[in-house]
Amino acid sequence: MYAIIRTGGKQYQVEPGTRVRVEKLAGEIGATVELTDVLLVADGDDIKVGQPVLDGAKVTAQIVEQGKDKKVIVFKKKRRKGYRVKKGHRQLFTALEIKDIAV
């Protein structure tokens, strides 16, 4: 059984027992989160597709980590003008462990 969920402007395929890194969600480590933007649920040959989301479907997950990704360097330059800007960015993330998919 698996589901397609939408969070943080992205879509993820999740199954019970898997870990997934998503955009930062509010909550402490060990807290339970219910994701209600479920786009698709598949259980063998039984596939349910929402338009755009399934009513009453939810994915229950537990927060296992809150952190920052590796630094991404942003470098801008204009030739012959002496213009150079170097910036770094570390995106915040939340690691979730999927516990249950309910339809």
PDB file of N, CA and C in Angstrom:
ATOM      1  N   MET A   1       0.837  -1.173   0.000  1.00  0.00           N
ATOM      2  CA  MET A   1       0.000   0.000   0.000  1.00  0.00           C
ATOM      3  C   MET A   1       0.888   1.243   0.000  1.00  0.00           C
ATOM      4  N   TYR A   2       0.554   2.219  -0.858  1.00  0.00           N
ATOM      5  CA  TYR A   2       1.294   3.469  -0.883  1.00  0.00           C
ATOM      6  C   TYR A   2       0.345   4.623  -1.170  1.00  0.00           C
ATOM      7  N   ALA A   3       0.840   5.832  -0.936  1.00  0.00           N
ATOM      8  CA  ALA A   3       0.045   7.034  -1.165  1.00  0.00           C
ATOM      9  C   ALA A   3       0.935   8.113  -1.765  1.00  0.00           C
ATOM     10  N   ILE A   4       0.309   9.023  -2.488  1.00  0.00           N
ATOM     11  CA  ILE A   4       0.987  10.209  -2.991  1.00  0.00           C
ATOM     12  C   ILE A   4       0.452  11.381  -2.169  1.00  0.00           C
ATOM     13  N   ILE A   5       1.362  12.082  -1.465  1.00  0.00           N
ATOM     14  CA  ILE A   5       0.946  13.217  -0.645  1.00  0.00           C
ATOM     15  C   ILE A   5       1.556  14.503  -1.189  1.00  0.00           C
ATOM     16  N   ARG A   6       0.947  15.628  -0.804  1.00  0.00           N
ATOM     17  CA  ARG A   6       1.453  16.935  -1.221  1.00  0.00           C
ATOM     18  C   ARG A   6       1.728  17.754   0.036  1.00  0.00           C
ATOM     19  N   THR A   7       2.965  18.225   0.163  1.00  0.00           N
ATOM     20  CA  THR A   7       3.338  19.100   1.266  1.00  0.00           C
ATOM     21  C   THR A   7       4.515  19.969   0.845  1.00  0.00           C
ATOM     22  N   GLY A   8       4.488  21.217   1.231  1.00  0.00           N
ATOM     23  CA  GLY A   8       5.585  22.126   0.900  1.00  0.00           C
ATOM     24  C   GLY A   8       5.708  22.394  -0.582  1.00  0.00           C
ATOM     25  N   GLY A   9       4.618  22.272  -1.345  1.00  0.00           N
ATOM     26  CA  GLY A   9       4.661  22.525  -2.776  1.00  0.00           C
ATOM     27  C   GLY A   9       5.251  21.387  -3.588  1.00  0.00           C
ATOM     28  N   LYS A  10       5.487  20.244  -2.960  1.00  0.00           N
ATOM     29  CA  LYS A  10       6.049  19.083  -3.655  1.00  0.00           C
ATOM     30  C   LYS A  10       5.179  17.865  -3.393  1.00  0.00           C
ATOM     31  N   GLN A  11       5.354  16.841  -4.201  1.00  0.00           N
ATOM     32  CA  GLN A  11       4.605  15.595  -4.039  1.00  0.00           C
ATOM     33  C   GLN A  11       5.580  14.472  -3.709  1.00  0.00           C
ATOM     34  N   TYR A  12       5.154  13.577  -2.803  1.00  0.00           N
ATOM     35  CA  TYR A  12       5.994  12.476  -2.358  1.00  0.00           C
ATOM     36  C   TYR A  12       5.201  11.178  -2.393  1.00  0.00           C
ATOM     37  N   GLN A  13       5.850  10.093  -2.801  1.00  0.00           N
ATOM     38  CA  GLN A  13       5.247   8.760  -2.717  1.00  0.00           C
ATOM     39  C   GLN A  13       5.724   8.146  -1.406  1.00  0.00           C
ATOM     40  N   VAL A  14       4.767   7.755  -0.555  1.00  0.00           N
ATOM     41  CA  VAL A  14       5.112   7.246   0.771  1.00  0.00           C
ATOM     42  C   VAL A  14       4.440   5.907   1.025  1.00  0.00           C
ATOM     43  N   GLU A  15       5.081   5.091   1.836  1.00  0.00           N
ATOM     44  CA  GLU A  15       4.554   3.801   2.286  1.00  0.00           C
ATOM     45  C   GLU A  15       4.740   3.734   3.791  1.00  0.00           C
ATOM     46  N   PRO A  16       3.928   2.949   4.505  1.00  0.00           N
ATOM     47  CA  PRO A  16       4.145   2.801   5.947  1.00  0.00           C
ATOM     48  C   PRO A  16       5.540   2.239   6.232  1.00  0.00           C
ATOM     49  N   GLY A  17       6.232   2.861   7.192  1.00  0.00           N
ATOM     50  CA  GLY A  17       7.567   2.417   7.565  1.00  0.00           C
ATOM     51  C   GLY A  17       8.697   3.147   6.871  1.00  0.00           C
ATOM     52  N   THR A  18       8.407   3.971   5.875  1.00  0.00           N
ATOM     53  CA  THR A  18       9.466   4.684   5.168  1.00  0.00           C
ATOM     54  C   THR A  18       9.709   6.045   5.800  1.00  0.00           C
ATOM     55  N   ARG A  19      10.897   6.594   5.523  1.00  0.00           N
ATOM     56  CA  ARG A  19      11.247   7.939   5.971  1.00  0.00           C
ATOM     57  C   ARG A  19      11.307   8.858   4.768  1.00  0.00           C
ATOM     58  N   VAL A  20      10.843  10.078   4.957  1.00  0.00           N
ATOM     59  CA  VAL A  20      10.860  11.053   3.871  1.00  0.00           C
ATOM     60  C   VAL A  20      11.231  12.416   4.457  1.00  0.00           C
ATOM     61  N   ARG A  21      12.054  13.180   3.710  1.00  0.00           N
ATOM     62  CA  ARG A  21      12.428  14.539   4.113  1.00  0.00           C
ATOM     63  C   ARG A  21      11.528  15.511   3.366  1.00  0.00           C
ATOM     64  N   VAL A  22      10.830  16.351   4.117  1.00  0.00           N
ATOM     65  CA  VAL A  22       9.928  17.332   3.523  1.00  0.00           C
ATOM     66  C   VAL A  22      10.346  18.723   3.978  1.00  0.00           C
ATOM     67  N   GLU A  23       9.721  19.749   3.394  1.00  0.00           N
ATOM     68  CA  GLU A  23       9.964  21.112   3.832  1.00  0.00           C
ATOM     69  C   GLU A  23       9.588  21.233   5.303  1.00  0.00           C
ATOM     70  N   LYS A  24      10.154  22.207   5.985  1.00  0.00           N
ATOM     71  CA  LYS A  24       9.979  22.371   7.432  1.00  0.00           C
ATOM     72  C   LYS A  24       8.509  22.389   7.848  1.00  0.00           C
ATOM     73  N   LEU A  25       8.182  21.536   8.827  1.00  0.00           N
ATOM     74  CA  LEU A  25       6.864  21.507   9.443  1.00  0.00           C
ATOM     75  C   LEU A  25       7.024  21.856  10.920  1.00  0.00           C
ATOM     76  N   ALA A  26       6.040  22.517  11.476  1.00  0.00           N
ATOM     77  CA  ALA A  26       6.082  22.880  12.891  1.00  0.00           C
ATOM     78  C   ALA A  26       5.867  21.638  13.739  1.00  0.00           C
ATOM     79  N   GLY A  27       6.617  21.516  14.827  1.00  0.00           N
ATOM     80  CA  GLY A  27       6.457  20.384  15.727  1.00  0.00           C
ATOM     81  C   GLY A  27       7.788  19.942  16.306  1.00  0.00           C
ATOM     82  N   GLU A  28       7.706  19.262  17.425  1.00  0.00           N
ATOM     83  CA  GLU A  28       8.895  18.750  18.097  1.00  0.00           C
ATOM     84  C   GLU A  28       9.189  17.325  17.633  1.00  0.00           C
ATOM     85  N   ILE A  29      10.404  16.869  17.881  1.00  0.00           N
ATOM     86  CA  ILE A  29      10.780  15.497  17.555  1.00  0.00           C
ATOM     87  C   ILE A  29       9.941  14.550  18.408  1.00  0.00           C
ATOM     88  N   GLY A  30       9.365  13.546  17.766  1.00  0.00           N
ATOM     89  CA  GLY A  30       8.501  12.596  18.449  1.00  0.00           C
ATOM     90  C   GLY A  30       7.022  12.922  18.324  1.00  0.00           C
ATOM     91  N   ALA A  31       6.701  14.133  17.841  1.00  0.00           N
ATOM     92  CA  ALA A  31       5.299  14.520  17.682  1.00  0.00           C
ATOM     93  C   ALA A  31       4.685  13.815  16.471  1.00  0.00           C
ATOM     94  N   THR A  32       3.366  13.627  16.520  1.00  0.00           N
ATOM     95  CA  THR A  32       2.637  13.001  15.422  1.00  0.00           C
ATOM     96  C   THR A  32       2.020  14.078  14.535  1.00  0.00           C
ATOM     97  N   VAL A  33       2.125  13.876  13.216  1.00  0.00           N
ATOM     98  CA  VAL A  33       1.609  14.825  12.237  1.00  0.00           C
ATOM     99  C   VAL A  33       0.627  14.091  11.334  1.00  0.00           C
ATOM    100  N   GLU A  34      -0.517  14.720  11.041  1.00  0.00           N
ATOM    101  CA  GLU A  34      -1.478  14.155  10.088  1.00  0.00           C
ATOM    102  C   GLU A  34      -1.438  14.982   8.813  1.00  0.00           C
ATOM    103  N   LEU A  35      -1.144  14.321   7.707  1.00  0.00           N
ATOM    104  CA  LEU A  35      -1.093  14.971   6.401  1.00  0.00           C
ATOM    105  C   LEU A  35      -2.399  14.647   5.671  1.00  0.00           C
ATOM    106  N   THR A  36      -3.172  15.686   5.345  1.00  0.00           N
ATOM    107  CA  THR A  36      -4.492  15.467   4.747  1.00  0.00           C
ATOM    108  C   THR A  36      -4.526  15.746   3.249  1.00  0.00           C
ATOM    109  N   ASP A  37      -3.453  16.283   2.690  1.00  0.00           N
ATOM    110  CA  ASP A  37      -3.398  16.493   1.236  1.00  0.00           C
ATOM    111  C   ASP A  37      -2.950  15.201   0.561  1.00  0.00           C
ATOM    112  N   VAL A  38      -3.839  14.214   0.513  1.00  0.00           N
ATOM    113  CA  VAL A  38      -3.552  12.917  -0.097  1.00  0.00           C
ATOM    114  C   VAL A  38      -4.137  12.930  -1.498  1.00  0.00           C
ATOM    115  N   LEU A  39      -3.281  12.761  -2.507  1.00  0.00           N
ATOM    116  CA  LEU A  39      -3.715  12.839  -3.898  1.00  0.00           C
ATOM    117  C   LEU A  39      -4.113  11.480  -4.455  1.00  0.00           C
ATOM    118  N   LEU A  40      -3.486  10.408  -3.970  1.00  0.00           N
ATOM    119  CA  LEU A  40      -3.735   9.073  -4.498  1.00  0.00           C
ATOM    120  C   LEU A  40      -3.425   8.050  -3.417  1.00  0.00           C
ATOM    121  N   VAL A  41      -4.242   6.990  -3.357  1.00  0.00           N
ATOM    122  CA  VAL A  41      -3.968   5.857  -2.478  1.00  0.00           C
ATOM    123  C   VAL A  41      -4.100   4.586  -3.311  1.00  0.00           C
ATOM    124  N   ALA A  42      -3.074   3.739  -3.274  1.00  0.00           N
ATOM    125  CA  ALA A  42      -3.087   2.493  -4.026  1.00  0.00           C
ATOM    126  C   ALA A  42      -2.853   1.335  -3.078  1.00  0.00           C
ATOM    127  N   ASP A  43      -3.736   0.335  -3.152  1.00  0.00           N
ATOM    128  CA  ASP A  43      -3.609  -0.881  -2.343  1.00  0.00           C
ATOM    129  C   ASP A  43      -3.776  -2.059  -3.289  1.00  0.00           C
ATOM    130  N   GLY A  44      -2.661  -2.531  -3.838  1.00  0.00           N
ATOM    131  CA  GLY A  44      -2.728  -3.599  -4.841  1.00  0.00           C
ATOM    132  C   GLY A  44      -3.350  -3.066  -6.131  1.00  0.00           C
ATOM    133  N   ASP A  45      -4.455  -3.692  -6.578  1.00  0.00           N
ATOM    134  CA  ASP A  45      -5.145  -3.245  -7.788  1.00  0.00           C
ATOM    135  C   ASP A  45      -6.191  -2.172  -7.488  1.00  0.00           C
ATOM    136  N   ASP A  46      -6.468  -1.917  -6.223  1.00  0.00           N
ATOM    137  CA  ASP A  46      -7.453  -0.914  -5.825  1.00  0.00           C
ATOM    138  C   ASP A  46      -6.774   0.445  -5.743  1.00  0.00           C
ATOM    139  N   ILE A  47      -7.040   1.321  -6.729  1.00  0.00           N
ATOM    140  CA  ILE A  47      -6.416   2.641  -6.795  1.00  0.00           C
ATOM    141  C   ILE A  47      -7.504   3.699  -6.682  1.00  0.00           C
ATOM    142  N   LYS A  48      -7.313   4.633  -5.743  1.00  0.00           N
ATOM    143  CA  LYS A  48      -8.250   5.738  -5.558  1.00  0.00           C
ATOM    144  C   LYS A  48      -7.515   7.029  -5.842  1.00  0.00           C
ATOM    145  N   VAL A  49      -8.054   7.820  -6.773  1.00  0.00           N
ATOM    146  CA  VAL A  49      -7.432   9.067  -7.180  1.00  0.00           C
ATOM    147  C   VAL A  49      -8.363  10.217  -6.816  1.00  0.00           C
ATOM    148  N   GLY A  50      -7.834  11.246  -6.187  1.00  0.00           N
ATOM    149  CA  GLY A  50      -8.618  12.419  -5.825  1.00  0.00           C
ATOM    150  C   GLY A  50      -8.631  13.446  -6.928  1.00  0.00           C
ATOM    151  N   GLN A  51      -9.572  14.391  -6.812  1.00  0.00           N
ATOM    152  CA  GLN A  51      -9.662  15.457  -7.802  1.00  0.00           C
ATOM    153  C   GLN A  51      -9.770  16.794  -7.093  1.00  0.00           C
ATOM    154  N   PRO A  52      -8.755  17.436  -6.596  1.00  0.00           N
ATOM    155  CA  PRO A  52      -7.366  16.987  -6.598  1.00  0.00           C
ATOM    156  C   PRO A  52      -6.994  16.123  -5.387  1.00  0.00           C
ATOM    157  N   VAL A  53      -7.756  16.213  -4.259  1.00  0.00           N
ATOM    158  CA  VAL A  53      -7.399  15.416  -3.086  1.00  0.00           C
ATOM    159  C   VAL A  53      -8.525  14.454  -2.747  1.00  0.00           C
ATOM    160  N   LEU A  54      -8.178  13.376  -2.035  1.00  0.00           N
ATOM    161  CA  LEU A  54      -9.165  12.405  -1.578  1.00  0.00           C
ATOM    162  C   LEU A  54      -9.810  12.905  -0.285  1.00  0.00           C
ATOM    163  N   ASP A  55     -11.135  12.917  -0.249  1.00  0.00           N
ATOM    164  CA  ASP A  55     -11.848  13.337   0.951  1.00  0.00           C
ATOM    165  C   ASP A  55     -11.756  12.240   2.008  1.00  0.00           C
ATOM    166  N   GLY A  56     -11.396  12.617   3.225  1.00  0.00           N
ATOM    167  CA  GLY A  56     -11.338  11.669   4.327  1.00  0.00           C
ATOM    168  C   GLY A  56     -10.063  10.855   4.405  1.00  0.00           C
ATOM    169  N   ALA A  57      -9.180  10.979   3.430  1.00  0.00           N
ATOM    170  CA  ALA A  57      -7.924  10.217   3.462  1.00  0.00           C
ATOM    171  C   ALA A  57      -6.875  11.020   4.232  1.00  0.00           C
ATOM    172  N   LYS A  58      -6.050  10.309   5.007  1.00  0.00           N
ATOM    173  CA  LYS A  58      -4.976  10.979   5.727  1.00  0.00           C
ATOM    174  C   LYS A  58      -3.808  10.031   5.923  1.00  0.00           C
ATOM    175  N   VAL A  59      -2.638  10.631   6.038  1.00  0.00           N
ATOM    176  CA  VAL A  59      -1.410   9.891   6.291  1.00  0.00           C
ATOM    177  C   VAL A  59      -0.887  10.354   7.649  1.00  0.00           C
ATOM    178  N   THR A  60      -0.652   9.401   8.541  1.00  0.00           N
ATOM    179  CA  THR A  60      -0.133   9.707   9.872  1.00  0.00           C
ATOM    180  C   THR A  60       1.375   9.454   9.882  1.00  0.00           C
ATOM    181  N   ALA A  61       2.122  10.444  10.372  1.00  0.00           N
ATOM    182  CA  ALA A  61       3.579  10.342  10.397  1.00  0.00           C
ATOM    183  C   ALA A  61       4.101  10.869  11.726  1.00  0.00           C
ATOM    184  N   GLN A  62       5.335  10.466  12.052  1.00  0.00           N
ATOM    185  CA  GLN A  62       5.990  10.922  13.271  1.00  0.00           C
ATOM    186  C   GLN A  62       7.241  11.690  12.884  1.00  0.00           C
ATOM    187  N   ILE A  63       7.465  12.827  13.543  1.00  0.00           N
ATOM    188  CA  ILE A  63       8.653  13.636  13.277  1.00  0.00           C
ATOM    189  C   ILE A  63       9.860  12.964  13.941  1.00  0.00           C
ATOM    190  N   VAL A  64      10.865  12.640  13.128  1.00  0.00           N
ATOM    191  CA  VAL A  64      12.063  11.992  13.668  1.00  0.00           C
ATOM    192  C   VAL A  64      13.282  12.911  13.651  1.00  0.00           C
ATOM    193  N   GLU A  65      13.225  14.002  12.870  1.00  0.00           N
ATOM    194  CA  GLU A  65      14.374  14.910  12.809  1.00  0.00           C
ATOM    195  C   GLU A  65      13.932  16.269  12.301  1.00  0.00           C
ATOM    196  N   GLN A  66      14.524  17.317  12.880  1.00  0.00           N
ATOM    197  CA  GLN A  66      14.383  18.689  12.384  1.00  0.00           C
ATOM    198  C   GLN A  66      15.800  19.170  12.114  1.00  0.00           C
ATOM    199  N   GLY A  67      16.073  19.689  10.928  1.00  0.00           N
ATOM    200  CA  GLY A  67      17.452  20.095  10.659  1.00  0.00           C
ATOM    201  C   GLY A  67      17.580  21.006   9.459  1.00  0.00           C
ATOM    202  N   LYS A  68      18.849  21.166   9.029  1.00  0.00           N
ATOM    203  CA  LYS A  68      19.182  21.979   7.868  1.00  0.00           C
ATOM    204  C   LYS A  68      19.936  21.129   6.858  1.00  0.00           C
ATOM    205  N   ASP A  69      19.674  21.359   5.577  1.00  0.00           N
ATOM    206  CA  ASP A  69      20.391  20.675   4.504  1.00  0.00           C
ATOM    207  C   ASP A  69      21.797  21.245   4.363  1.00  0.00           C
ATOM    208  N   LYS A  70      22.551  20.682   3.415  1.00  0.00           N
ATOM    209  CA  LYS A  70      23.872  21.196   3.108  1.00  0.00           C
ATOM    210  C   LYS A  70      23.747  22.584   2.505  1.00  0.00           C
ATOM    211  N   LYS A  71      24.814  23.360   2.633  1.00  0.00           N
ATOM    212  CA  LYS A  71      24.805  24.727   2.130  1.00  0.00           C
ATOM    213  C   LYS A  71      24.865  24.752   0.604  1.00  0.00           C
ATOM    214  N   VAL A  72      24.017  25.595   0.015  1.00  0.00           N
ATOM    215  CA  VAL A  72      24.011  25.834  -1.419  1.00  0.00           C
ATOM    216  C   VAL A  72      24.606  27.222  -1.630  1.00  0.00           C
ATOM    217  N   ILE A  73      25.627  27.315  -2.469  1.00  0.00           N
ATOM    218  CA  ILE A  73      26.296  28.582  -2.735  1.00  0.00           C
ATOM    219  C   ILE A  73      25.623  29.277  -3.911  1.00  0.00           C
ATOM    220  N   VAL A  74      25.287  30.563  -3.720  1.00  0.00           N
ATOM    221  CA  VAL A  74      24.715  31.395  -4.780  1.00  0.00           C
ATOM    222  C   VAL A  74      25.764  32.450  -5.109  1.00  0.00           C
ATOM    223  N   PHE A  75      26.263  32.452  -6.344  1.00  0.00           N
ATOM    224  CA  PHE A  75      27.323  33.378  -6.743  1.00  0.00           C
ATOM    225  C   PHE A  75      26.870  34.157  -7.964  1.00  0.00           C
ATOM    226  N   LYS A  76      26.884  35.491  -7.848  1.00  0.00           N
ATOM    227  CA  LYS A  76      26.517  36.360  -8.964  1.00  0.00           C
ATOM    228  C   LYS A  76      27.742  37.181  -9.360  1.00  0.00           C
ATOM    229  N   LYS A  77      27.883  37.406 -10.675  1.00  0.00           N
ATOM    230  CA  LYS A  77      29.020  38.176 -11.159  1.00  0.00           C
ATOM    231  C   LYS A  77      28.651  38.852 -12.468  1.00  0.00           C
ATOM    232  N   LYS A  78      29.117  40.093 -12.619  1.00  0.00           N
ATOM    233  CA  LYS A  78      28.984  40.785 -13.905  1.00  0.00           C
ATOM    234  C   LYS A  78      30.385  41.085 -14.399  1.00  0.00           C
ATOM    235  N   ARG A  79      30.665  40.647 -15.602  1.00  0.00           N
ATOM    236  CA  ARG A  79      32.027  40.781 -16.102  1.00  0.00           C
ATOM    237  C   ARG A  79      32.397  42.254 -16.313  1.00  0.00           C
ATOM    238  N   ARG A  80      33.657  42.545 -16.051  1.00  0.00           N
ATOM    239  CA  ARG A  80      34.276  43.857 -16.243  1.00  0.00           C
ATOM    240  C   ARG A  80      33.675  44.969 -15.395  1.00  0.00           C
ATOM    241  N   LYS A  81      32.827  44.669 -14.434  1.00  0.00           N
ATOM    242  CA  LYS A  81      32.186  45.712 -13.637  1.00  0.00           C
ATOM    243  C   LYS A  81      32.597  45.679 -12.167  1.00  0.00           C
ATOM    244  N   GLY A  82      33.300  44.634 -11.755  1.00  0.00           N
ATOM    245  CA  GLY A  82      33.708  44.525 -10.361  1.00  0.00           C
ATOM    246  C   GLY A  82      32.565  44.131  -9.442  1.00  0.00           C
ATOM    247  N   TYR A  83      31.499  43.592 -10.017  1.00  0.00           N
ATOM    248  CA  TYR A  83      30.332  43.189  -9.221  1.00  0.00           C
ATOM    249  C   TYR A  83      30.394  41.694  -8.943  1.00  0.00           C
ATOM    250  N   ARG A  84      30.529  41.351  -7.676  1.00  0.00           N
ATOM    251  CA  ARG A  84      30.551  39.948  -7.264  1.00  0.00           C
ATOM    252  C   ARG A  84      29.802  39.832  -5.943  1.00  0.00           C
ATOM    253  N   VAL A  85      28.858  38.878  -5.868  1.00  0.00           N
ATOM    254  CA  VAL A  85      28.110  38.631  -4.641  1.00  0.00           C
ATOM    255  C   VAL A  85      28.112  37.130  -4.396  1.00  0.00           C
ATOM    256  N   LYS A  86      28.502  36.731  -3.188  1.00  0.00           N
ATOM    257  CA  LYS A  86      28.504  35.314  -2.828  1.00  0.00           C
ATOM    258  C   LYS A  86      27.634  35.149  -1.590  1.00  0.00           C
ATOM    259  N   LYS A  87      26.609  34.306  -1.708  1.00  0.00           N
ATOM    260  CA  LYS A  87      25.703  34.049  -0.602  1.00  0.00           C
ATOM    261  C   LYS A  87      25.549  32.548  -0.424  1.00  0.00           C
ATOM    262  N   GLY A  88      25.211  32.156   0.773  1.00  0.00           N
ATOM    263  CA  GLY A  88      24.946  30.746   1.060  1.00  0.00           C
ATOM    264  C   GLY A  88      23.542  30.586   1.609  1.00  0.00           C
ATOM    265  N   HIS A  89      22.960  29.406   1.396  1.00  0.00           N
ATOM    266  CA  HIS A  89      21.608  29.130   1.892  1.00  0.00           C
ATOM    267  C   HIS A  89      21.534  27.689   2.377  1.00  0.00           C
ATOM    268  N   ARG A  90      20.946  27.502   3.567  1.00  0.00           N
ATOM    269  CA  ARG A  90      20.717  26.163   4.102  1.00  0.00           C
ATOM    270  C   ARG A  90      19.226  26.013   4.337  1.00  0.00           C
ATOM    271  N   GLN A  91      18.591  25.135   3.570  1.00  0.00           N
ATOM    272  CA  GLN A  91      17.147  24.928   3.646  1.00  0.00           C
ATOM    273  C   GLN A  91      16.783  24.101   4.879  1.00  0.00           C
ATOM    274  N   LEU A  92      15.753  24.522   5.598  1.00  0.00           N
ATOM    275  CA  LEU A  92      15.254  23.776   6.747  1.00  0.00           C
ATOM    276  C   LEU A  92      14.425  22.587   6.266  1.00  0.00           C
ATOM    277  N   PHE A  93      14.520  21.461   6.970  1.00  0.00           N
ATOM    278  CA  PHE A  93      13.741  20.284   6.594  1.00  0.00           C
ATOM    279  C   PHE A  93      13.218  19.582   7.836  1.00  0.00           C
ATOM    280  N   THR A  94      12.219  18.735   7.617  1.00  0.00           N
ATOM    281  CA  THR A  94      11.670  17.866   8.650  1.00  0.00           C
ATOM    282  C   THR A  94      11.689  16.452   8.097  1.00  0.00           C
ATOM    283  N   ALA A  95      12.264  15.516   8.843  1.00  0.00           N
ATOM    284  CA  ALA A  95      12.263  14.107   8.438  1.00  0.00           C
ATOM    285  C   ALA A  95      11.079  13.428   9.115  1.00  0.00           C
ATOM    286  N   LEU A  96      10.249  12.771   8.313  1.00  0.00           N
ATOM    287  CA  LEU A  96       9.053  12.095   8.808  1.00  0.00           C
ATOM    288  C   LEU A  96       9.174  10.592   8.621  1.00  0.00           C
ATOM    289  N   GLU A  97       8.687   9.835   9.590  1.00  0.00           N
ATOM    290  CA  GLU A  97       8.546   8.389   9.434  1.00  0.00           C
ATOM    291  C   GLU A  97       7.058   8.107   9.302  1.00  0.00           C
ATOM    292  N   ILE A  98       6.672   7.483   8.193  1.00  0.00           N
ATOM    293  CA  ILE A  98       5.270   7.239   7.904  1.00  0.00           C
ATOM    294  C   ILE A  98       4.784   6.058   8.743  1.00  0.00           C
ATOM    295  N   LYS A  99       3.704   6.280   9.478  1.00  0.00           N
ATOM    296  CA  LYS A  99       3.153   5.251  10.359  1.00  0.00           C
ATOM    297  C   LYS A  99       1.948   4.556   9.743  1.00  0.00           C
ATOM    298  N   ASP A 100       1.003   5.316   9.160  1.00  0.00           N
ATOM    299  CA  ASP A 100      -0.253   4.711   8.713  1.00  0.00           C
ATOM    300  C   ASP A 100      -0.852   5.519   7.574  1.00  0.00           C
ATOM    301  N   ILE A 101      -1.540   4.808   6.678  1.00  0.00           N
ATOM    302  CA  ILE A 101      -2.297   5.442   5.596  1.00  0.00           C
ATOM    303  C   ILE A 101      -3.745   5.027   5.768  1.00  0.00           C
ATOM    304  N   ALA A 102      -4.620   6.009   5.977  1.00  0.00           N
ATOM    305  CA  ALA A 102      -6.044   5.728   6.192  1.00  0.00           C
ATOM    306  C   ALA A 102      -6.859   6.363   5.077  1.00  0.00           C
ATOM    307  N   VAL A 103      -7.844   5.588   4.574  1.00  0.00           N
ATOM    308  CA  VAL A 103      -8.711   6.110   3.511  1.00  0.00           C
ATOM    309  C   VAL A 103     -10.072   6.430   4.071  1.00  0.00           C
TER     310      VAL A 103
END
